[in-house]
């Protein structure tokens, strides 16, 4: 018997841990690396999660952001409706795993106890990471939730959502720049420092 009429649209997603069960993989890998003191695994977890974090910031700020500004409101709403519930889990997970793995990696390499001027670089990285964590938990996550709950209303205020998304993308762009700074400092560590503070 042939079905008539348009197919039913799938219901908008909810913020659900079950739909984001994948986050146990990076968290589990981090815990395993710390408990087993496996330097290679710890390094891998740190590098891979930082790639995900930096790549997502670049994608959101410089690719998706401009695209969303140039599509119709209905398309923008559809994308944001499906994106935000994922971002609530994705960004805190990759940022927390990256930061935690980086700390244990630095401790294992003896970078925490280095003397000036090298210790200034460590202080710079810790300061940048602190700023990024404050931005993530104090701005990005609340903005993410505000957009999500607004867009699920029967009559969402799209101008409000647009303002919130503009703020979201701007902060993500700042985070991308800060991450490039951290990558530069890490490259300095890896190459033995081309200059000193």
N, C-alpha and C. Protein backbone atom coordinates (compact mmCIF):
# COMPACT_ATOMS: atom_id res chain seq x y z
N UNK A 1 0.84 -1.18 0.00
CA UNK A 1 0.00 0.00 0.00
C UNK A 1 0.89 1.25 0.00
N UNK A 2 0.70 2.11 -0.96
CA UNK A 2 1.55 3.27 -1.13
C UNK A 2 1.15 4.39 -0.17
N UNK A 3 2.17 4.99 0.46
CA UNK A 3 1.92 6.06 1.41
C UNK A 3 1.62 7.35 0.66
N UNK A 4 0.62 8.08 1.12
CA UNK A 4 0.26 9.34 0.48
C UNK A 4 0.60 10.49 1.42
N UNK A 5 0.79 11.66 0.83
CA UNK A 5 1.07 12.84 1.63
C UNK A 5 2.55 12.99 1.91
N UNK A 6 2.96 14.14 2.37
CA UNK A 6 4.38 14.39 2.63
C UNK A 6 4.87 13.58 3.82
N UNK A 7 6.14 13.19 3.80
CA UNK A 7 6.68 12.45 4.94
C UNK A 7 6.70 13.34 6.18
N UNK A 8 6.50 12.71 7.33
CA UNK A 8 6.47 13.49 8.56
C UNK A 8 7.87 13.97 8.91
N UNK A 9 7.97 15.22 9.27
CA UNK A 9 9.27 15.79 9.63
C UNK A 9 9.72 15.21 10.96
N UNK A 10 11.01 14.96 11.07
CA UNK A 10 11.52 14.42 12.32
C UNK A 10 11.45 15.50 13.40
N UNK A 11 11.20 15.06 14.61
CA UNK A 11 11.06 15.99 15.72
C UNK A 11 12.40 16.65 16.00
N UNK A 12 12.40 17.92 16.39
CA UNK A 12 13.66 18.59 16.71
C UNK A 12 14.36 17.90 17.87
N UNK A 13 15.67 17.85 17.86
CA UNK A 13 16.40 17.11 18.89
C UNK A 13 16.32 17.79 20.24
N UNK A 14 16.48 16.99 21.26
CA UNK A 14 16.54 17.51 22.62
C UNK A 14 17.97 17.37 23.13
N UNK A 15 18.27 18.07 24.22
CA UNK A 15 19.59 17.94 24.83
C UNK A 15 19.59 16.62 25.60
N UNK A 16 20.28 15.63 25.04
CA UNK A 16 20.22 14.29 25.60
C UNK A 16 21.60 13.67 25.64
N UNK A 17 21.98 13.15 26.80
CA UNK A 17 23.26 12.45 26.92
C UNK A 17 23.26 11.19 26.06
N UNK A 18 22.11 10.52 25.98
CA UNK A 18 22.03 9.28 25.20
C UNK A 18 22.36 9.52 23.74
N UNK A 19 21.98 10.70 23.22
CA UNK A 19 22.28 11.02 21.82
C UNK A 19 23.72 11.48 21.63
N UNK A 20 24.43 11.68 22.75
CA UNK A 20 25.82 12.13 22.67
C UNK A 20 26.73 11.21 23.48
N UNK A 21 26.40 9.94 23.46
CA UNK A 21 27.13 8.94 24.24
C UNK A 21 28.60 8.85 23.85
N UNK A 22 28.91 9.35 22.66
CA UNK A 22 30.28 9.30 22.15
C UNK A 22 31.28 10.00 23.07
N UNK A 23 30.80 10.92 23.92
CA UNK A 23 31.74 11.68 24.75
C UNK A 23 32.49 10.79 25.74
N UNK A 24 31.99 9.57 25.99
CA UNK A 24 32.71 8.68 26.90
C UNK A 24 34.02 8.19 26.26
N UNK A 25 34.13 8.28 24.92
CA UNK A 25 35.35 7.81 24.25
C UNK A 25 36.54 8.71 24.60
N UNK A 26 36.50 10.03 24.34
CA UNK A 26 37.66 10.84 24.72
C UNK A 26 37.89 10.91 26.23
N UNK A 27 36.80 10.94 27.01
CA UNK A 27 36.95 10.97 28.46
C UNK A 27 37.58 9.68 28.96
N UNK A 28 37.10 8.54 28.41
CA UNK A 28 37.66 7.24 28.78
C UNK A 28 39.12 7.12 28.39
N UNK A 29 39.47 7.62 27.19
CA UNK A 29 40.87 7.57 26.74
C UNK A 29 41.75 8.42 27.64
N UNK A 30 41.24 9.58 28.07
CA UNK A 30 42.00 10.45 28.97
C UNK A 30 42.24 9.77 30.31
N UNK A 31 41.20 9.18 30.88
CA UNK A 31 41.33 8.48 32.16
C UNK A 31 42.31 7.33 32.05
N UNK A 32 42.22 6.55 30.95
CA UNK A 32 43.13 5.43 30.74
C UNK A 32 44.58 5.91 30.63
N UNK A 33 44.79 7.02 29.92
CA UNK A 33 46.15 7.55 29.75
C UNK A 33 46.73 8.01 31.07
N UNK A 34 45.91 8.63 31.91
CA UNK A 34 46.39 9.14 33.20
C UNK A 34 46.67 7.98 34.16
N UNK A 35 45.74 7.01 34.22
CA UNK A 35 45.90 5.90 35.17
C UNK A 35 47.06 4.98 34.80
N UNK A 36 47.31 4.81 33.51
CA UNK A 36 48.39 3.91 33.07
C UNK A 36 49.70 4.66 32.90
N UNK A 37 49.67 6.00 33.05
CA UNK A 37 50.86 6.83 32.85
C UNK A 37 51.49 6.58 31.48
N UNK A 38 50.63 6.34 30.49
CA UNK A 38 51.09 6.07 29.13
C UNK A 38 51.33 7.40 28.42
N UNK A 39 52.60 7.74 28.24
CA UNK A 39 52.96 9.03 27.66
C UNK A 39 52.44 9.17 26.23
N UNK A 40 52.58 8.11 25.43
CA UNK A 40 52.14 8.15 24.04
C UNK A 40 50.64 8.37 23.94
N UNK A 41 49.87 7.63 24.74
CA UNK A 41 48.41 7.77 24.72
C UNK A 41 48.00 9.16 25.21
N UNK A 42 48.66 9.63 26.25
CA UNK A 42 48.35 10.96 26.79
C UNK A 42 48.62 12.05 25.75
N UNK A 43 49.75 11.91 25.07
CA UNK A 43 50.10 12.87 24.01
C UNK A 43 49.09 12.80 22.87
N UNK A 44 48.70 11.59 22.50
CA UNK A 44 47.72 11.42 21.43
C UNK A 44 46.38 12.05 21.80
N UNK A 45 45.91 11.79 23.00
CA UNK A 45 44.63 12.35 23.45
C UNK A 45 44.69 13.87 23.45
N UNK A 46 45.79 14.43 23.94
CA UNK A 46 45.93 15.89 23.98
C UNK A 46 45.92 16.49 22.58
N UNK A 47 46.72 15.93 21.69
CA UNK A 47 46.83 16.47 20.34
C UNK A 47 45.53 16.30 19.57
N UNK A 48 44.93 15.13 19.65
CA UNK A 48 43.71 14.87 18.87
C UNK A 48 42.54 15.72 19.35
N UNK A 49 42.38 15.82 20.68
CA UNK A 49 41.27 16.62 21.20
C UNK A 49 41.49 18.11 20.92
N UNK A 50 42.76 18.56 20.95
CA UNK A 50 43.03 19.97 20.64
C UNK A 50 42.78 20.26 19.16
N UNK A 51 43.04 19.28 18.29
CA UNK A 51 42.70 19.44 16.87
C UNK A 51 41.20 19.62 16.70
N UNK A 52 40.42 18.79 17.40
CA UNK A 52 38.97 18.89 17.34
C UNK A 52 38.49 20.25 17.85
N UNK A 53 39.06 20.70 18.95
CA UNK A 53 38.67 21.98 19.56
C UNK A 53 39.00 23.16 18.63
N UNK A 54 40.26 23.20 18.19
CA UNK A 54 40.68 24.30 17.31
C UNK A 54 39.95 24.25 15.98
N UNK A 55 39.84 23.06 15.41
CA UNK A 55 39.15 22.92 14.11
C UNK A 55 37.70 23.36 14.18
N UNK A 56 37.04 23.01 15.28
CA UNK A 56 35.63 23.40 15.43
C UNK A 56 35.49 24.91 15.56
N UNK A 57 36.40 25.53 16.33
CA UNK A 57 36.36 26.99 16.47
C UNK A 57 36.55 27.68 15.12
N UNK A 58 37.52 27.18 14.35
CA UNK A 58 37.77 27.77 13.02
C UNK A 58 36.57 27.58 12.12
N UNK A 59 35.99 26.37 12.14
CA UNK A 59 34.83 26.07 11.29
C UNK A 59 33.64 26.95 11.67
N UNK A 60 33.36 27.03 12.97
CA UNK A 60 32.21 27.80 13.42
C UNK A 60 32.37 29.29 13.12
N UNK A 61 33.57 29.83 13.38
CA UNK A 61 33.78 31.27 13.26
C UNK A 61 33.92 31.73 11.82
N UNK A 62 34.65 30.98 11.01
CA UNK A 62 35.02 31.48 9.69
C UNK A 62 34.32 30.79 8.52
N UNK A 63 33.61 29.69 8.78
CA UNK A 63 32.88 29.01 7.71
C UNK A 63 31.38 29.01 7.96
N UNK A 64 30.97 28.38 9.09
CA UNK A 64 29.53 28.28 9.36
C UNK A 64 28.91 29.64 9.66
N UNK A 65 29.63 30.48 10.42
CA UNK A 65 29.11 31.80 10.78
C UNK A 65 28.70 32.62 9.57
N UNK A 66 29.62 32.83 8.61
CA UNK A 66 29.25 33.57 7.40
C UNK A 66 28.13 32.92 6.59
N UNK A 67 28.11 31.58 6.57
CA UNK A 67 27.05 30.89 5.84
C UNK A 67 25.69 31.18 6.46
N UNK A 68 25.61 31.09 7.80
CA UNK A 68 24.34 31.33 8.49
C UNK A 68 23.82 32.74 8.27
N UNK A 69 24.73 33.69 8.09
CA UNK A 69 24.30 35.07 7.87
C UNK A 69 23.69 35.27 6.49
N UNK A 70 23.90 34.32 5.59
CA UNK A 70 23.46 34.51 4.21
C UNK A 70 22.40 33.51 3.75
N UNK A 71 21.83 32.75 4.67
CA UNK A 71 20.76 31.83 4.30
C UNK A 71 19.44 32.34 4.86
N UNK A 72 18.35 31.75 4.42
CA UNK A 72 17.03 32.18 4.88
C UNK A 72 16.85 31.88 6.36
N UNK A 73 15.90 32.58 6.98
CA UNK A 73 15.65 32.38 8.41
C UNK A 73 15.23 30.94 8.70
N UNK A 74 14.44 30.35 7.83
CA UNK A 74 13.99 28.97 8.07
C UNK A 74 15.15 28.00 8.03
N UNK A 75 16.07 28.21 7.07
CA UNK A 75 17.26 27.35 6.98
C UNK A 75 18.15 27.55 8.19
N UNK A 76 18.33 28.81 8.59
CA UNK A 76 19.14 29.13 9.76
C UNK A 76 18.56 28.46 11.00
N UNK A 77 17.25 28.53 11.14
CA UNK A 77 16.59 27.92 12.30
C UNK A 77 16.80 26.41 12.31
N UNK A 78 16.66 25.79 11.14
CA UNK A 78 16.82 24.34 11.05
C UNK A 78 18.23 23.91 11.43
N UNK A 79 19.23 24.62 10.94
CA UNK A 79 20.62 24.27 11.24
C UNK A 79 20.91 24.44 12.73
N UNK A 80 20.50 25.59 13.28
CA UNK A 80 20.77 25.87 14.69
C UNK A 80 20.05 24.88 15.60
N UNK A 81 18.82 24.52 15.21
CA UNK A 81 18.03 23.57 16.01
C UNK A 81 18.75 22.24 16.18
N UNK A 82 19.40 21.78 15.12
CA UNK A 82 20.10 20.50 15.18
C UNK A 82 21.52 20.62 15.68
N UNK A 83 22.12 21.79 15.52
CA UNK A 83 23.52 21.97 15.91
C UNK A 83 23.70 22.19 17.41
N UNK A 84 22.89 23.03 18.00
CA UNK A 84 23.10 23.44 19.38
C UNK A 84 23.07 22.29 20.40
N UNK A 85 22.13 21.34 20.31
CA UNK A 85 22.15 20.23 21.28
C UNK A 85 23.43 19.40 21.22
N UNK A 86 24.07 19.36 20.04
CA UNK A 86 25.35 18.65 19.91
C UNK A 86 26.48 19.46 20.53
N UNK A 87 26.46 20.77 20.29
CA UNK A 87 27.53 21.63 20.77
C UNK A 87 27.57 21.72 22.29
N UNK A 88 26.40 21.55 22.93
CA UNK A 88 26.34 21.57 24.40
C UNK A 88 27.26 20.50 24.99
N UNK A 89 27.38 19.36 24.30
CA UNK A 89 28.22 18.27 24.78
C UNK A 89 29.62 18.32 24.17
N UNK A 90 29.68 18.67 22.89
CA UNK A 90 30.94 18.59 22.14
C UNK A 90 32.00 19.55 22.68
N UNK A 91 31.68 20.84 22.76
CA UNK A 91 32.69 21.82 23.12
C UNK A 91 33.22 21.66 24.55
N UNK A 92 32.35 21.49 25.56
CA UNK A 92 32.90 21.27 26.91
C UNK A 92 33.77 20.03 27.01
N UNK A 93 33.39 18.97 26.27
CA UNK A 93 34.15 17.72 26.33
C UNK A 93 35.54 17.89 25.74
N UNK A 94 35.62 18.39 24.50
CA UNK A 94 36.94 18.49 23.85
C UNK A 94 37.82 19.52 24.56
N UNK A 95 37.23 20.60 25.07
CA UNK A 95 38.05 21.60 25.77
C UNK A 95 38.57 21.07 27.10
N UNK A 96 37.71 20.37 27.84
CA UNK A 96 38.13 19.82 29.14
C UNK A 96 39.17 18.72 28.96
N UNK A 97 38.98 17.85 27.97
CA UNK A 97 39.93 16.77 27.73
C UNK A 97 41.27 17.34 27.27
N UNK A 98 41.24 18.32 26.38
CA UNK A 98 42.48 18.96 25.90
C UNK A 98 43.25 19.59 27.04
N UNK A 99 42.55 20.36 27.87
CA UNK A 99 43.20 21.07 28.97
C UNK A 99 43.77 20.11 30.01
N UNK A 100 42.98 19.11 30.39
CA UNK A 100 43.42 18.15 31.40
C UNK A 100 44.61 17.33 30.89
N UNK A 101 44.51 16.85 29.66
CA UNK A 101 45.61 16.07 29.08
C UNK A 101 46.86 16.94 28.96
N UNK A 102 46.69 18.20 28.60
CA UNK A 102 47.83 19.11 28.47
C UNK A 102 48.53 19.33 29.80
N UNK A 103 47.75 19.46 30.87
CA UNK A 103 48.33 19.66 32.20
C UNK A 103 49.16 18.44 32.61
N UNK A 104 48.58 17.24 32.47
CA UNK A 104 49.31 16.02 32.87
C UNK A 104 50.51 15.79 31.97
N UNK A 105 50.40 16.15 30.71
CA UNK A 105 51.52 16.01 29.78
C UNK A 105 52.65 16.95 30.17
N UNK A 106 52.30 18.20 30.50
CA UNK A 106 53.31 19.17 30.92
C UNK A 106 53.99 18.73 32.21
N UNK A 107 53.20 18.17 33.14
CA UNK A 107 53.77 17.67 34.39
C UNK A 107 54.74 16.53 34.14
N UNK A 108 54.34 15.62 33.25
CA UNK A 108 55.16 14.46 32.95
C UNK A 108 56.47 14.86 32.26
N UNK A 109 56.44 15.94 31.50
CA UNK A 109 57.62 16.41 30.78
C UNK A 109 58.47 17.36 31.62
N UNK A 110 58.00 17.67 32.84
CA UNK A 110 58.75 18.56 33.72
C UNK A 110 58.63 20.03 33.37
N UNK A 111 57.62 20.38 32.56
CA UNK A 111 57.48 21.77 32.13
C UNK A 111 56.93 22.68 33.22
N UNK A 112 56.22 22.09 34.17
CA UNK A 112 55.61 22.89 35.24
C UNK A 112 56.67 23.50 36.15
N UNK A 113 57.79 22.81 36.30
CA UNK A 113 58.81 23.25 37.26
C UNK A 113 59.97 23.99 36.60
N UNK A 114 59.84 24.35 35.34
CA UNK A 114 60.92 25.06 34.66
C UNK A 114 61.13 26.45 35.25
N UNK A 115 62.33 26.96 35.11
CA UNK A 115 62.69 28.26 35.64
C UNK A 115 62.55 29.34 34.56
N UNK A 116 62.48 30.62 34.98
CA UNK A 116 62.44 31.72 34.01
C UNK A 116 63.69 31.68 33.12
N UNK A 117 63.61 32.10 31.85
CA UNK A 117 62.42 32.71 31.22
C UNK A 117 61.43 31.70 30.63
N UNK A 118 61.83 30.40 30.63
CA UNK A 118 60.95 29.39 30.02
C UNK A 118 59.62 29.29 30.75
N UNK A 119 59.64 29.47 32.06
CA UNK A 119 58.40 29.37 32.84
C UNK A 119 57.38 30.44 32.45
N UNK A 120 57.87 31.55 31.87
CA UNK A 120 56.95 32.60 31.43
C UNK A 120 56.03 32.09 30.33
N UNK A 121 56.58 31.22 29.49
CA UNK A 121 55.76 30.64 28.41
C UNK A 121 54.66 29.76 28.99
N UNK A 122 55.02 28.98 30.02
CA UNK A 122 54.02 28.13 30.69
C UNK A 122 52.93 28.99 31.29
N UNK A 123 53.34 30.07 31.95
CA UNK A 123 52.38 30.99 32.54
C UNK A 123 51.47 31.59 31.47
N UNK A 124 52.03 31.91 30.31
CA UNK A 124 51.24 32.46 29.20
C UNK A 124 50.19 31.46 28.73
N UNK A 125 50.61 30.20 28.58
CA UNK A 125 49.67 29.16 28.14
C UNK A 125 48.56 28.97 29.16
N UNK A 126 48.92 28.89 30.44
CA UNK A 126 47.92 28.71 31.49
C UNK A 126 46.94 29.88 31.54
N UNK A 127 47.45 31.09 31.32
CA UNK A 127 46.59 32.27 31.31
C UNK A 127 45.60 32.23 30.15
N UNK A 128 46.11 31.85 28.97
CA UNK A 128 45.25 31.76 27.79
C UNK A 128 44.18 30.69 27.98
N UNK A 129 44.60 29.54 28.50
CA UNK A 129 43.64 28.44 28.73
C UNK A 129 42.58 28.86 29.73
N UNK A 130 42.97 29.59 30.77
CA UNK A 130 42.02 30.07 31.77
C UNK A 130 40.99 31.00 31.13
N UNK A 131 41.46 31.91 30.29
CA UNK A 131 40.55 32.82 29.58
C UNK A 131 39.57 32.03 28.71
N UNK A 132 40.09 31.02 28.02
CA UNK A 132 39.25 30.22 27.13
C UNK A 132 38.21 29.41 27.91
N UNK A 133 38.61 28.89 29.07
CA UNK A 133 37.67 28.13 29.88
C UNK A 133 36.56 29.04 30.43
N UNK A 134 36.94 30.25 30.84
CA UNK A 134 35.95 31.22 31.32
C UNK A 134 34.98 31.58 30.19
N UNK A 135 35.52 31.81 29.00
CA UNK A 135 34.68 32.12 27.84
C UNK A 135 33.74 30.95 27.54
N UNK A 136 34.28 29.74 27.59
CA UNK A 136 33.49 28.57 27.26
C UNK A 136 32.34 28.33 28.22
N UNK A 137 32.66 28.37 29.52
CA UNK A 137 31.65 28.07 30.54
C UNK A 137 30.78 29.29 30.86
N UNK A 138 31.36 30.49 30.72
CA UNK A 138 30.62 31.69 31.11
C UNK A 138 29.88 32.37 29.98
N UNK A 139 30.30 32.11 28.73
CA UNK A 139 29.66 32.78 27.59
C UNK A 139 29.09 31.77 26.59
N UNK A 140 29.95 30.89 26.08
CA UNK A 140 29.52 30.00 24.99
C UNK A 140 28.43 29.01 25.42
N UNK A 141 28.64 28.32 26.55
CA UNK A 141 27.65 27.34 26.99
C UNK A 141 26.31 27.99 27.32
N UNK A 142 26.28 29.08 28.12
CA UNK A 142 24.98 29.73 28.38
C UNK A 142 24.32 30.26 27.10
N UNK A 143 25.12 30.82 26.18
CA UNK A 143 24.56 31.31 24.92
C UNK A 143 23.98 30.16 24.11
N UNK A 144 24.70 29.05 24.09
CA UNK A 144 24.23 27.85 23.41
C UNK A 144 22.86 27.43 23.94
N UNK A 145 22.72 27.39 25.25
CA UNK A 145 21.46 26.98 25.88
C UNK A 145 20.34 27.99 25.61
N UNK A 146 20.68 29.29 25.66
CA UNK A 146 19.68 30.32 25.40
C UNK A 146 19.14 30.21 23.97
N UNK A 147 20.04 29.97 23.02
CA UNK A 147 19.61 29.80 21.62
C UNK A 147 18.73 28.57 21.49
N UNK A 148 19.16 27.48 22.12
CA UNK A 148 18.41 26.23 22.04
C UNK A 148 16.99 26.39 22.57
N UNK A 149 16.85 26.96 23.76
CA UNK A 149 15.51 27.09 24.36
C UNK A 149 14.65 28.12 23.62
N UNK A 150 15.27 29.15 23.09
CA UNK A 150 14.51 30.14 22.32
C UNK A 150 13.98 29.53 21.03
N UNK A 151 14.80 28.75 20.37
CA UNK A 151 14.42 28.21 19.06
C UNK A 151 13.37 27.11 19.18
N UNK A 152 13.23 26.54 20.36
CA UNK A 152 12.21 25.50 20.56
C UNK A 152 10.83 26.08 20.91
N UNK A 153 10.74 27.39 21.09
CA UNK A 153 9.45 28.01 21.36
C UNK A 153 8.56 27.96 20.12
N UNK A 154 7.26 28.03 20.34
CA UNK A 154 6.32 28.01 19.21
C UNK A 154 6.58 29.17 18.26
N UNK A 155 6.91 30.34 18.83
CA UNK A 155 7.22 31.51 18.02
C UNK A 155 8.56 32.10 18.47
N UNK A 156 9.65 31.48 18.03
CA UNK A 156 10.96 31.96 18.47
C UNK A 156 11.27 33.35 17.92
N UNK A 157 11.96 34.12 18.72
CA UNK A 157 12.39 35.46 18.32
C UNK A 157 13.69 35.32 17.52
N UNK A 158 13.58 35.31 16.18
CA UNK A 158 14.73 35.07 15.34
C UNK A 158 15.75 36.20 15.41
N UNK A 159 15.29 37.42 15.68
CA UNK A 159 16.24 38.52 15.81
C UNK A 159 17.10 38.33 17.07
N UNK A 160 16.48 37.83 18.13
CA UNK A 160 17.22 37.53 19.36
C UNK A 160 18.22 36.41 19.11
N UNK A 161 17.77 35.38 18.42
CA UNK A 161 18.65 34.26 18.09
C UNK A 161 19.83 34.73 17.24
N UNK A 162 19.54 35.61 16.30
CA UNK A 162 20.59 36.14 15.44
C UNK A 162 21.63 36.91 16.25
N UNK A 163 21.16 37.70 17.21
CA UNK A 163 22.08 38.45 18.07
C UNK A 163 22.94 37.49 18.91
N UNK A 164 22.29 36.48 19.45
CA UNK A 164 23.01 35.51 20.28
C UNK A 164 24.05 34.74 19.46
N UNK A 165 23.66 34.33 18.24
CA UNK A 165 24.58 33.59 17.38
C UNK A 165 25.76 34.46 16.94
N UNK A 166 25.48 35.75 16.71
CA UNK A 166 26.56 36.68 16.33
C UNK A 166 27.57 36.77 17.47
N UNK A 167 27.07 36.85 18.71
CA UNK A 167 27.94 36.89 19.89
C UNK A 167 28.69 35.57 20.01
N UNK A 168 28.01 34.46 19.80
CA UNK A 168 28.60 33.13 19.90
C UNK A 168 29.77 32.99 18.92
N UNK A 169 29.52 33.36 17.66
CA UNK A 169 30.55 33.23 16.62
C UNK A 169 31.73 34.15 16.91
N UNK A 170 31.47 35.34 17.44
CA UNK A 170 32.53 36.29 17.75
C UNK A 170 33.45 35.73 18.84
N UNK A 171 32.86 35.15 19.88
CA UNK A 171 33.68 34.57 20.96
C UNK A 171 34.46 33.36 20.45
N UNK A 172 33.83 32.56 19.60
CA UNK A 172 34.52 31.40 19.02
C UNK A 172 35.71 31.86 18.17
N UNK A 173 35.54 32.98 17.46
CA UNK A 173 36.65 33.52 16.66
C UNK A 173 37.80 33.95 17.56
N UNK A 174 37.47 34.57 18.70
CA UNK A 174 38.51 34.96 19.67
C UNK A 174 39.23 33.72 20.18
N UNK A 175 38.46 32.66 20.45
CA UNK A 175 39.08 31.41 20.93
C UNK A 175 40.02 30.83 19.87
N UNK A 176 39.64 30.92 18.60
CA UNK A 176 40.50 30.41 17.53
C UNK A 176 41.83 31.15 17.52
N UNK A 177 41.80 32.48 17.68
CA UNK A 177 43.02 33.27 17.73
C UNK A 177 43.88 32.87 18.93
N UNK A 178 43.24 32.69 20.09
CA UNK A 178 43.97 32.28 21.29
C UNK A 178 44.60 30.90 21.10
N UNK A 179 43.88 30.02 20.41
CA UNK A 179 44.42 28.68 20.16
C UNK A 179 45.62 28.73 19.22
N UNK A 180 45.58 29.62 18.23
CA UNK A 180 46.73 29.80 17.36
C UNK A 180 47.95 30.26 18.18
N UNK A 181 47.69 31.10 19.17
CA UNK A 181 48.77 31.58 20.05
C UNK A 181 49.37 30.42 20.84
N UNK A 182 48.50 29.57 21.37
CA UNK A 182 48.99 28.40 22.11
C UNK A 182 49.79 27.48 21.20
N UNK A 183 49.31 27.27 19.97
CA UNK A 183 50.03 26.41 19.02
C UNK A 183 51.42 26.99 18.75
N UNK A 184 51.50 28.31 18.63
CA UNK A 184 52.79 28.96 18.41
C UNK A 184 53.73 28.69 19.59
N UNK A 185 53.22 28.82 20.80
CA UNK A 185 54.05 28.58 21.98
C UNK A 185 54.48 27.12 22.05
N UNK A 186 53.57 26.19 21.72
CA UNK A 186 53.91 24.78 21.72
C UNK A 186 54.99 24.48 20.67
N UNK A 187 54.90 25.17 19.54
CA UNK A 187 55.92 24.99 18.50
C UNK A 187 57.27 25.50 19.00
N UNK A 188 57.24 26.57 19.80
CA UNK A 188 58.47 27.09 20.40
C UNK A 188 59.10 26.05 21.34
N UNK A 189 58.23 25.40 22.13
CA UNK A 189 58.72 24.33 23.01
C UNK A 189 59.36 23.21 22.20
N UNK A 190 58.67 22.81 21.13
CA UNK A 190 59.13 21.67 20.34
C UNK A 190 60.45 21.94 19.62
N UNK A 191 60.69 23.21 19.28
CA UNK A 191 61.89 23.54 18.51
C UNK A 191 63.00 24.15 19.36
N UNK A 192 62.79 24.23 20.66
CA UNK A 192 63.86 24.70 21.54
C UNK A 192 63.92 26.20 21.71
N UNK A 193 62.85 26.90 21.32
CA UNK A 193 62.75 28.35 21.48
C UNK A 193 63.70 29.12 20.56
N UNK A 194 63.10 29.85 19.65
CA UNK A 194 63.90 30.67 18.73
C UNK A 194 64.21 32.02 19.35
N UNK A 195 63.40 32.41 20.34
CA UNK A 195 63.68 33.66 21.06
C UNK A 195 63.18 33.51 22.49
N UNK A 196 63.56 34.40 23.35
CA UNK A 196 63.20 34.32 24.77
C UNK A 196 62.54 35.61 25.21
N UNK A 197 61.70 35.49 26.24
CA UNK A 197 61.10 36.68 26.83
C UNK A 197 62.13 37.39 27.71
